[in-house]
Amino acid sequence: MRTQRQVVDYSLRKRAALRDLLAARVARYDVCDASPYLKNAARFHGEPTEERCPICRSENLVHVHYIYGDELKQSAGQARTRAELSVLAMTLREFQVFVVEVCPGCDWNHLVEQYLLGRDGLAGGVDDGSEQEAVSGSSAPAGSAPRRRREAQR
């Protein structure tokens, strides 16, 4: 997505968890513990991937996108599809997305990445200037404020 920013990738943490499992420092039931809510979200809102499960190697992983943000109100914490994320990114100022991979077979789950979406990330800016007016306290053009400061210093 074009407004995706502040991406945090958790692949190193995933490798460490898998390494601990292979070294028998953790048990399989400690890493394969997807809740029924997460499995339902994967079934109904998940995006299938081509990547095989690193534990059972029999099923493909499913990515579930959870959204959080102040503007979401009661929708915060819900799973959404990628298509819904694109629509939300154009309507909301900023919200966080957490991507979790889930194996429907063995219940493996792991946080893959997190990032921010929303209009605030657009390069050209979609705002109509109302925020600048609220910050400066006036509706004067942006170029007149620096001129006033220079005149006051003289």
N, C-alpha and C. Protein backbone atom coordinates (compact mmCIF):
# COMPACT_ATOMS: atom_id res chain seq x y z
N MET A 1 0.83 -1.18 0.00
CA MET A 1 0.00 0.00 0.00
C MET A 1 0.88 1.24 0.00
N ARG A 2 0.43 2.26 -0.64
CA ARG A 2 1.30 3.40 -0.82
C ARG A 2 1.44 4.27 0.41
N THR A 3 0.55 4.20 1.38
CA THR A 3 0.68 5.02 2.58
C THR A 3 1.30 4.24 3.74
N GLN A 4 1.74 3.03 3.49
CA GLN A 4 2.32 2.20 4.54
C GLN A 4 3.64 2.83 5.00
N ARG A 5 3.80 3.01 6.33
CA ARG A 5 5.01 3.62 6.86
C ARG A 5 5.30 3.08 8.25
N GLN A 6 6.48 3.37 8.73
CA GLN A 6 6.95 2.91 10.04
C GLN A 6 6.75 1.41 10.18
N VAL A 7 7.28 0.66 9.24
CA VAL A 7 7.12 -0.79 9.21
C VAL A 7 8.09 -1.43 10.20
N VAL A 8 7.57 -2.34 11.01
CA VAL A 8 8.39 -3.13 11.92
C VAL A 8 8.25 -4.58 11.50
N ASP A 9 9.37 -5.20 11.15
CA ASP A 9 9.38 -6.59 10.69
C ASP A 9 9.81 -7.49 11.86
N TYR A 10 9.08 -8.57 12.08
CA TYR A 10 9.37 -9.47 13.19
C TYR A 10 9.96 -10.79 12.73
N SER A 11 10.63 -10.81 11.58
CA SER A 11 11.18 -12.06 11.06
C SER A 11 12.32 -12.60 11.93
N LEU A 12 13.12 -11.73 12.54
CA LEU A 12 14.19 -12.21 13.42
C LEU A 12 13.61 -12.88 14.66
N ARG A 13 12.54 -12.32 15.19
CA ARG A 13 11.90 -12.94 16.35
C ARG A 13 11.30 -14.30 15.98
N LYS A 14 10.76 -14.40 14.76
CA LYS A 14 10.21 -15.67 14.28
C LYS A 14 11.32 -16.71 14.16
N ARG A 15 12.45 -16.30 13.60
CA ARG A 15 13.57 -17.24 13.48
C ARG A 15 14.05 -17.70 14.84
N ALA A 16 14.08 -16.81 15.82
CA ALA A 16 14.50 -17.17 17.17
C ALA A 16 13.52 -18.16 17.80
N ALA A 17 12.23 -17.93 17.59
CA ALA A 17 11.22 -18.85 18.14
C ALA A 17 11.35 -20.24 17.51
N LEU A 18 11.56 -20.27 16.21
CA LEU A 18 11.73 -21.56 15.53
C LEU A 18 13.02 -22.26 15.97
N ARG A 19 14.08 -21.48 16.17
CA ARG A 19 15.34 -22.05 16.63
C ARG A 19 15.17 -22.63 18.04
N ASP A 20 14.46 -21.93 18.91
CA ASP A 20 14.20 -22.45 20.26
C ASP A 20 13.38 -23.72 20.21
N LEU A 21 12.44 -23.80 19.30
CA LEU A 21 11.62 -25.00 19.16
C LEU A 21 12.47 -26.18 18.69
N LEU A 22 13.32 -25.97 17.70
CA LEU A 22 14.17 -27.04 17.19
C LEU A 22 15.21 -27.49 18.21
N ALA A 23 15.64 -26.57 19.06
CA ALA A 23 16.61 -26.91 20.10
C ALA A 23 15.94 -27.47 21.35
N ALA A 24 14.64 -27.62 21.31
CA ALA A 24 13.84 -28.18 22.42
C ALA A 24 13.90 -27.29 23.67
N ARG A 25 14.11 -25.99 23.50
CA ARG A 25 14.04 -25.07 24.64
C ARG A 25 12.60 -24.69 24.95
N VAL A 26 11.72 -24.81 23.96
CA VAL A 26 10.29 -24.61 24.16
C VAL A 26 9.54 -25.79 23.54
N ALA A 27 8.37 -26.04 24.08
CA ALA A 27 7.56 -27.16 23.56
C ALA A 27 6.70 -26.68 22.40
N ARG A 28 6.25 -27.62 21.59
CA ARG A 28 5.44 -27.28 20.43
C ARG A 28 4.12 -26.61 20.84
N TYR A 29 3.53 -27.06 21.94
CA TYR A 29 2.26 -26.47 22.36
C TYR A 29 2.43 -25.02 22.84
N ASP A 30 3.68 -24.59 23.10
CA ASP A 30 3.92 -23.20 23.48
C ASP A 30 3.89 -22.26 22.27
N VAL A 31 4.24 -22.76 21.10
CA VAL A 31 4.25 -21.93 19.90
C VAL A 31 3.04 -22.17 19.01
N CYS A 32 2.41 -23.30 19.16
CA CYS A 32 1.20 -23.62 18.38
C CYS A 32 -0.02 -23.46 19.27
N ASP A 33 -0.35 -22.22 19.57
CA ASP A 33 -1.40 -21.94 20.56
C ASP A 33 -2.41 -20.90 20.08
N ALA A 34 -2.76 -20.95 18.81
CA ALA A 34 -3.71 -19.98 18.27
C ALA A 34 -5.06 -20.12 18.96
N SER A 35 -5.62 -18.98 19.35
CA SER A 35 -6.92 -18.99 20.01
C SER A 35 -8.02 -19.26 19.00
N PRO A 36 -9.17 -19.68 19.46
CA PRO A 36 -10.30 -19.89 18.54
C PRO A 36 -10.69 -18.61 17.79
N TYR A 37 -10.56 -17.45 18.44
CA TYR A 37 -10.87 -16.17 17.80
C TYR A 37 -9.90 -15.89 16.64
N LEU A 38 -8.63 -16.18 16.86
CA LEU A 38 -7.63 -15.97 15.82
C LEU A 38 -7.86 -16.92 14.65
N LYS A 39 -8.22 -18.16 14.95
CA LYS A 39 -8.48 -19.13 13.88
C LYS A 39 -9.72 -18.75 13.09
N ASN A 40 -10.75 -18.23 13.75
CA ASN A 40 -11.94 -17.76 13.04
C ASN A 40 -11.63 -16.54 12.19
N ALA A 41 -10.83 -15.63 12.72
CA ALA A 41 -10.43 -14.46 11.94
C ALA A 41 -9.64 -14.88 10.71
N ALA A 42 -8.78 -15.87 10.85
CA ALA A 42 -8.02 -16.38 9.71
C ALA A 42 -8.95 -17.01 8.68
N ARG A 43 -9.96 -17.69 9.13
CA ARG A 43 -10.89 -18.36 8.22
C ARG A 43 -11.74 -17.35 7.44
N PHE A 44 -12.23 -16.32 8.12
CA PHE A 44 -13.18 -15.41 7.49
C PHE A 44 -12.56 -14.12 6.93
N HIS A 45 -11.46 -13.64 7.52
CA HIS A 45 -10.87 -12.38 7.10
C HIS A 45 -9.43 -12.53 6.62
N GLY A 46 -8.88 -13.73 6.70
CA GLY A 46 -7.47 -13.93 6.38
C GLY A 46 -7.17 -13.92 4.89
N GLU A 47 -5.90 -13.66 4.60
CA GLU A 47 -5.39 -13.66 3.23
C GLU A 47 -4.46 -14.86 3.09
N PRO A 48 -4.83 -15.86 2.27
CA PRO A 48 -3.97 -17.02 2.09
C PRO A 48 -2.63 -16.63 1.46
N THR A 49 -1.57 -17.30 1.87
CA THR A 49 -0.24 -17.05 1.31
C THR A 49 0.25 -18.33 0.64
N GLU A 50 1.38 -18.22 -0.03
CA GLU A 50 2.01 -19.39 -0.66
C GLU A 50 3.04 -20.02 0.26
N GLU A 51 3.26 -19.42 1.41
CA GLU A 51 4.28 -19.90 2.35
C GLU A 51 3.74 -21.06 3.19
N ARG A 52 4.52 -22.13 3.26
CA ARG A 52 4.14 -23.29 4.06
C ARG A 52 4.40 -23.03 5.54
N CYS A 53 3.65 -23.71 6.37
CA CYS A 53 3.82 -23.59 7.82
C CYS A 53 5.20 -24.13 8.21
N PRO A 54 5.95 -23.40 9.01
CA PRO A 54 7.29 -23.87 9.40
C PRO A 54 7.25 -25.03 10.40
N ILE A 55 6.10 -25.31 10.98
CA ILE A 55 6.00 -26.39 11.98
C ILE A 55 5.50 -27.67 11.33
N CYS A 56 4.31 -27.65 10.78
CA CYS A 56 3.73 -28.89 10.24
C CYS A 56 4.07 -29.11 8.77
N ARG A 57 4.39 -28.07 8.05
CA ARG A 57 4.75 -28.11 6.63
C ARG A 57 3.69 -28.77 5.73
N SER A 58 2.45 -28.83 6.22
CA SER A 58 1.40 -29.45 5.43
C SER A 58 0.39 -28.44 4.90
N GLU A 59 0.30 -27.28 5.52
CA GLU A 59 -0.68 -26.28 5.11
C GLU A 59 0.00 -24.94 4.86
N ASN A 60 -0.64 -24.13 4.03
CA ASN A 60 -0.13 -22.77 3.79
C ASN A 60 -0.59 -21.84 4.91
N LEU A 61 0.24 -20.85 5.19
CA LEU A 61 -0.08 -19.88 6.22
C LEU A 61 -1.12 -18.89 5.72
N VAL A 62 -1.85 -18.30 6.66
CA VAL A 62 -2.85 -17.29 6.38
C VAL A 62 -2.46 -16.04 7.15
N HIS A 63 -2.49 -14.88 6.50
CA HIS A 63 -2.20 -13.61 7.17
C HIS A 63 -3.49 -12.93 7.59
N VAL A 64 -3.54 -12.51 8.85
CA VAL A 64 -4.68 -11.80 9.40
C VAL A 64 -4.21 -10.39 9.76
N HIS A 65 -4.95 -9.37 9.32
CA HIS A 65 -4.61 -7.97 9.56
C HIS A 65 -5.55 -7.41 10.62
N TYR A 66 -4.98 -7.04 11.77
CA TYR A 66 -5.75 -6.42 12.86
C TYR A 66 -5.48 -4.92 12.85
N ILE A 67 -6.51 -4.13 13.11
CA ILE A 67 -6.37 -2.68 13.07
C ILE A 67 -6.61 -2.07 14.45
N TYR A 68 -5.82 -1.03 14.75
CA TYR A 68 -5.95 -0.30 16.01
C TYR A 68 -5.74 1.19 15.74
N GLY A 69 -6.48 2.03 16.43
CA GLY A 69 -6.31 3.47 16.30
C GLY A 69 -7.42 4.21 17.00
N ASP A 70 -7.14 5.47 17.34
CA ASP A 70 -8.10 6.30 18.06
C ASP A 70 -9.35 6.57 17.25
N GLU A 71 -9.20 6.79 15.95
CA GLU A 71 -10.36 7.11 15.11
C GLU A 71 -11.27 5.91 14.87
N LEU A 72 -10.78 4.71 15.13
CA LEU A 72 -11.57 3.50 14.86
C LEU A 72 -12.66 3.26 15.90
N LYS A 73 -12.47 3.80 17.09
CA LYS A 73 -13.43 3.65 18.19
C LYS A 73 -13.76 2.18 18.45
N GLN A 74 -15.00 1.74 18.26
CA GLN A 74 -15.37 0.37 18.58
C GLN A 74 -14.86 -0.63 17.55
N SER A 75 -14.35 -0.17 16.42
CA SER A 75 -13.81 -1.08 15.40
C SER A 75 -12.37 -1.47 15.69
N ALA A 76 -11.75 -0.84 16.66
CA ALA A 76 -10.36 -1.16 16.99
C ALA A 76 -10.26 -2.61 17.46
N GLY A 77 -9.24 -3.28 16.98
CA GLY A 77 -9.01 -4.67 17.35
C GLY A 77 -9.68 -5.67 16.44
N GLN A 78 -10.33 -5.20 15.40
CA GLN A 78 -11.00 -6.11 14.47
C GLN A 78 -10.06 -6.53 13.35
N ALA A 79 -10.32 -7.71 12.80
CA ALA A 79 -9.58 -8.21 11.65
C ALA A 79 -10.22 -7.66 10.39
N ARG A 80 -9.39 -7.25 9.44
CA ARG A 80 -9.87 -6.70 8.18
C ARG A 80 -9.10 -7.30 7.02
N THR A 81 -9.72 -7.32 5.84
CA THR A 81 -9.04 -7.78 4.64
C THR A 81 -8.20 -6.65 4.07
N ARG A 82 -7.31 -6.99 3.14
CA ARG A 82 -6.47 -5.98 2.50
C ARG A 82 -7.30 -4.94 1.75
N ALA A 83 -8.37 -5.37 1.12
CA ALA A 83 -9.23 -4.42 0.39
C ALA A 83 -9.85 -3.41 1.36
N GLU A 84 -10.28 -3.87 2.52
CA GLU A 84 -10.85 -2.96 3.51
C GLU A 84 -9.79 -2.00 4.05
N LEU A 85 -8.55 -2.47 4.16
CA LEU A 85 -7.46 -1.61 4.64
C LEU A 85 -7.22 -0.45 3.69
N SER A 86 -7.30 -0.72 2.38
CA SER A 86 -7.09 0.34 1.40
C SER A 86 -8.15 1.42 1.52
N VAL A 87 -9.39 1.03 1.73
CA VAL A 87 -10.47 2.00 1.89
C VAL A 87 -10.29 2.80 3.17
N LEU A 88 -9.96 2.11 4.25
CA LEU A 88 -9.75 2.79 5.53
C LEU A 88 -8.57 3.75 5.47
N ALA A 89 -7.52 3.38 4.72
CA ALA A 89 -6.33 4.23 4.62
C ALA A 89 -6.65 5.56 3.96
N MET A 90 -7.65 5.59 3.10
CA MET A 90 -8.02 6.85 2.44
C MET A 90 -9.04 7.66 3.23
N THR A 91 -9.70 7.04 4.19
CA THR A 91 -10.73 7.75 4.95
C THR A 91 -10.27 8.18 6.34
N LEU A 92 -9.35 7.44 6.95
CA LEU A 92 -8.89 7.76 8.30
C LEU A 92 -7.53 8.43 8.26
N ARG A 93 -7.25 9.24 9.27
CA ARG A 93 -5.97 9.95 9.32
C ARG A 93 -4.82 8.99 9.59
N GLU A 94 -4.96 8.14 10.62
CA GLU A 94 -3.85 7.24 10.96
C GLU A 94 -4.36 6.09 11.82
N PHE A 95 -3.91 4.89 11.50
CA PHE A 95 -4.21 3.73 12.32
C PHE A 95 -3.10 2.70 12.14
N GLN A 96 -2.98 1.81 13.11
CA GLN A 96 -1.94 0.80 13.10
C GLN A 96 -2.49 -0.53 12.63
N VAL A 97 -1.67 -1.26 11.89
CA VAL A 97 -2.04 -2.58 11.39
C VAL A 97 -1.03 -3.59 11.92
N PHE A 98 -1.53 -4.67 12.49
CA PHE A 98 -0.70 -5.77 12.94
C PHE A 98 -1.03 -6.98 12.07
N VAL A 99 -0.01 -7.58 11.47
CA VAL A 99 -0.20 -8.74 10.60
C VAL A 99 0.27 -9.98 11.35
N VAL A 100 -0.63 -10.95 11.50
CA VAL A 100 -0.34 -12.19 12.21
C VAL A 100 -0.47 -13.34 11.22
N GLU A 101 0.53 -14.23 11.21
CA GLU A 101 0.42 -15.42 10.37
C GLU A 101 -0.11 -16.57 11.21
N VAL A 102 -1.01 -17.35 10.60
CA VAL A 102 -1.68 -18.43 11.31
C VAL A 102 -1.67 -19.66 10.42
N CYS A 103 -1.41 -20.82 11.03
CA CYS A 103 -1.54 -22.09 10.32
C CYS A 103 -2.86 -22.71 10.75
N PRO A 104 -3.79 -22.94 9.82
CA PRO A 104 -5.07 -23.54 10.20
C PRO A 104 -4.95 -24.99 10.66
N GLY A 105 -3.85 -25.64 10.32
CA GLY A 105 -3.68 -27.05 10.67
C GLY A 105 -3.15 -27.27 12.08
N CYS A 106 -1.99 -26.68 12.38
CA CYS A 106 -1.34 -26.97 13.66
C CYS A 106 -1.45 -25.84 14.67
N ASP A 107 -2.13 -24.73 14.32
CA ASP A 107 -2.35 -23.58 15.20
C ASP A 107 -1.10 -22.73 15.46
N TRP A 108 -0.06 -22.86 14.62
CA TRP A 108 1.08 -21.97 14.71
C TRP A 108 0.59 -20.55 14.43
N ASN A 109 1.09 -19.59 15.19
CA ASN A 109 0.77 -18.18 14.94
C ASN A 109 1.94 -17.33 15.39
N HIS A 110 2.16 -16.27 14.65
CA HIS A 110 3.27 -15.38 14.97
C HIS A 110 3.01 -14.01 14.36
N LEU A 111 3.40 -12.97 15.08
CA LEU A 111 3.30 -11.61 14.57
C LEU A 111 4.35 -11.42 13.48
N VAL A 112 3.91 -11.05 12.28
CA VAL A 112 4.81 -10.91 11.14
C VAL A 112 5.34 -9.49 11.04
N GLU A 113 4.44 -8.51 11.06
CA GLU A 113 4.86 -7.12 10.96
C GLU A 113 3.78 -6.20 11.50
N GLN A 114 4.17 -4.96 11.71
CA GLN A 114 3.22 -3.92 12.09
C GLN A 114 3.60 -2.67 11.32
N TYR A 115 2.60 -1.86 10.98
CA TYR A 115 2.85 -0.63 10.25
C TYR A 115 1.69 0.33 10.43
N LEU A 116 1.92 1.57 10.03
CA LEU A 116 0.89 2.61 10.09
C LEU A 116 0.31 2.83 8.70
N LEU A 117 -0.97 3.12 8.66
CA LEU A 117 -1.67 3.48 7.44
C LEU A 117 -2.50 4.73 7.72
N GLY A 118 -2.91 5.39 6.66
CA GLY A 118 -3.80 6.53 6.80
C GLY A 118 -3.41 7.69 5.91
N ARG A 119 -4.28 8.69 5.89
CA ARG A 119 -4.07 9.88 5.06
C ARG A 119 -2.86 10.68 5.46
N ASP A 120 -2.47 10.65 6.73
CA ASP A 120 -1.31 11.43 7.19
C ASP A 120 -0.04 11.03 6.46
N GLY A 121 0.00 9.86 5.89
CA GLY A 121 1.19 9.39 5.21
C GLY A 121 1.28 9.78 3.76
N LEU A 122 0.27 10.44 3.22
CA LEU A 122 0.31 10.85 1.82
C LEU A 122 1.31 11.98 1.65
N ALA A 123 2.11 11.92 0.60
CA ALA A 123 3.18 12.89 0.40
C ALA A 123 2.64 14.29 0.12
N GLY A 124 1.65 14.40 -0.75
CA GLY A 124 1.12 15.71 -1.12
C GLY A 124 0.20 16.28 -0.07
N GLY A 125 -0.32 15.44 0.79
CA GLY A 125 -1.24 15.91 1.81
C GLY A 125 -2.63 16.08 1.25
N VAL A 126 -3.61 15.56 1.95
CA VAL A 126 -4.99 15.63 1.51
C VAL A 126 -5.73 16.69 2.30
N ASP A 127 -5.08 17.22 3.33
CA ASP A 127 -5.76 18.17 4.21
C ASP A 127 -6.16 19.43 3.46
N ASP A 128 -7.22 20.06 3.93
CA ASP A 128 -7.72 21.27 3.29
C ASP A 128 -7.20 22.53 3.96
N GLY A 129 -6.25 22.38 4.87
CA GLY A 129 -5.69 23.54 5.54
C GLY A 129 -6.34 23.84 6.86
N SER A 130 -7.38 23.14 7.22
CA SER A 130 -8.08 23.43 8.46
C SER A 130 -7.20 23.14 9.67
N GLU A 131 -6.29 22.16 9.57
CA GLU A 131 -5.41 21.88 10.69
C GLU A 131 -4.43 23.02 10.91
N GLN A 132 -3.90 23.58 9.84
CA GLN A 132 -2.97 24.69 9.98
C GLN A 132 -3.66 25.89 10.58
N GLU A 133 -4.92 26.12 10.21
CA GLU A 133 -5.67 27.22 10.79
C GLU A 133 -5.87 27.00 12.28
N ALA A 134 -6.13 25.77 12.66
CA ALA A 134 -6.34 25.48 14.08
C ALA A 134 -5.06 25.67 14.87
N VAL A 135 -3.91 25.34 14.28
CA VAL A 135 -2.65 25.48 14.97
C VAL A 135 -2.24 26.94 15.07
N SER A 136 -2.36 27.68 13.96
CA SER A 136 -1.91 29.08 13.96
C SER A 136 -2.94 30.03 14.57
N GLY A 137 -4.19 29.59 14.61
CA GLY A 137 -5.22 30.42 15.20
C GLY A 137 -5.83 31.42 14.26
N SER A 138 -5.44 31.40 12.99
CA SER A 138 -6.02 32.33 12.03
C SER A 138 -6.17 31.64 10.69
N SER A 139 -6.90 32.28 9.80
CA SER A 139 -7.09 31.72 8.47
C SER A 139 -6.27 32.49 7.45
N ALA A 140 -5.20 33.17 7.89
CA ALA A 140 -4.34 33.92 6.99
C ALA A 140 -3.54 32.96 6.13
N PRO A 141 -3.14 33.37 4.94
CA PRO A 141 -2.33 32.52 4.10
C PRO A 141 -1.03 32.15 4.79
N ALA A 142 -0.47 31.00 4.41
CA ALA A 142 0.73 30.49 5.07
C ALA A 142 1.92 31.42 4.89
N GLY A 143 2.01 32.15 3.78
CA GLY A 143 3.15 33.01 3.52
C GLY A 143 3.15 34.29 4.33
N SER A 144 2.03 34.72 4.89
CA SER A 144 1.97 36.00 5.60
C SER A 144 2.50 35.91 7.02
N ALA A 145 2.46 34.74 7.65
CA ALA A 145 2.92 34.61 9.03
C ALA A 145 4.41 34.86 9.15
N PRO A 146 5.29 34.33 8.30
CA PRO A 146 6.72 34.62 8.43
C PRO A 146 7.02 36.10 8.19
N ARG A 147 6.27 36.77 7.30
CA ARG A 147 6.49 38.18 7.02
C ARG A 147 6.20 39.00 8.28
N ARG A 148 5.13 38.65 9.00
CA ARG A 148 4.79 39.38 10.22
C ARG A 148 5.88 39.21 11.27
N ARG A 149 6.44 38.01 11.37
CA ARG A 149 7.50 37.79 12.36
C ARG A 149 8.72 38.64 12.02
N ARG A 150 9.06 38.73 10.73
CA ARG A 150 10.21 39.53 10.33
C ARG A 150 9.97 41.02 10.63
N GLU A 151 8.74 41.48 10.39
CA GLU A 151 8.42 42.88 10.65
C GLU A 151 8.48 43.18 12.15
N ALA A 152 8.09 42.24 12.97
CA ALA A 152 8.09 42.44 14.41
C ALA A 152 9.51 42.49 14.95
N GLN A 153 10.44 41.81 14.30
CA GLN A 153 11.83 41.80 14.76
C GLN A 153 12.54 43.10 14.43
N ARG A 154 12.06 43.87 13.47
CA ARG A 154 12.74 45.12 13.05
C ARG A 154 12.62 46.20 14.04
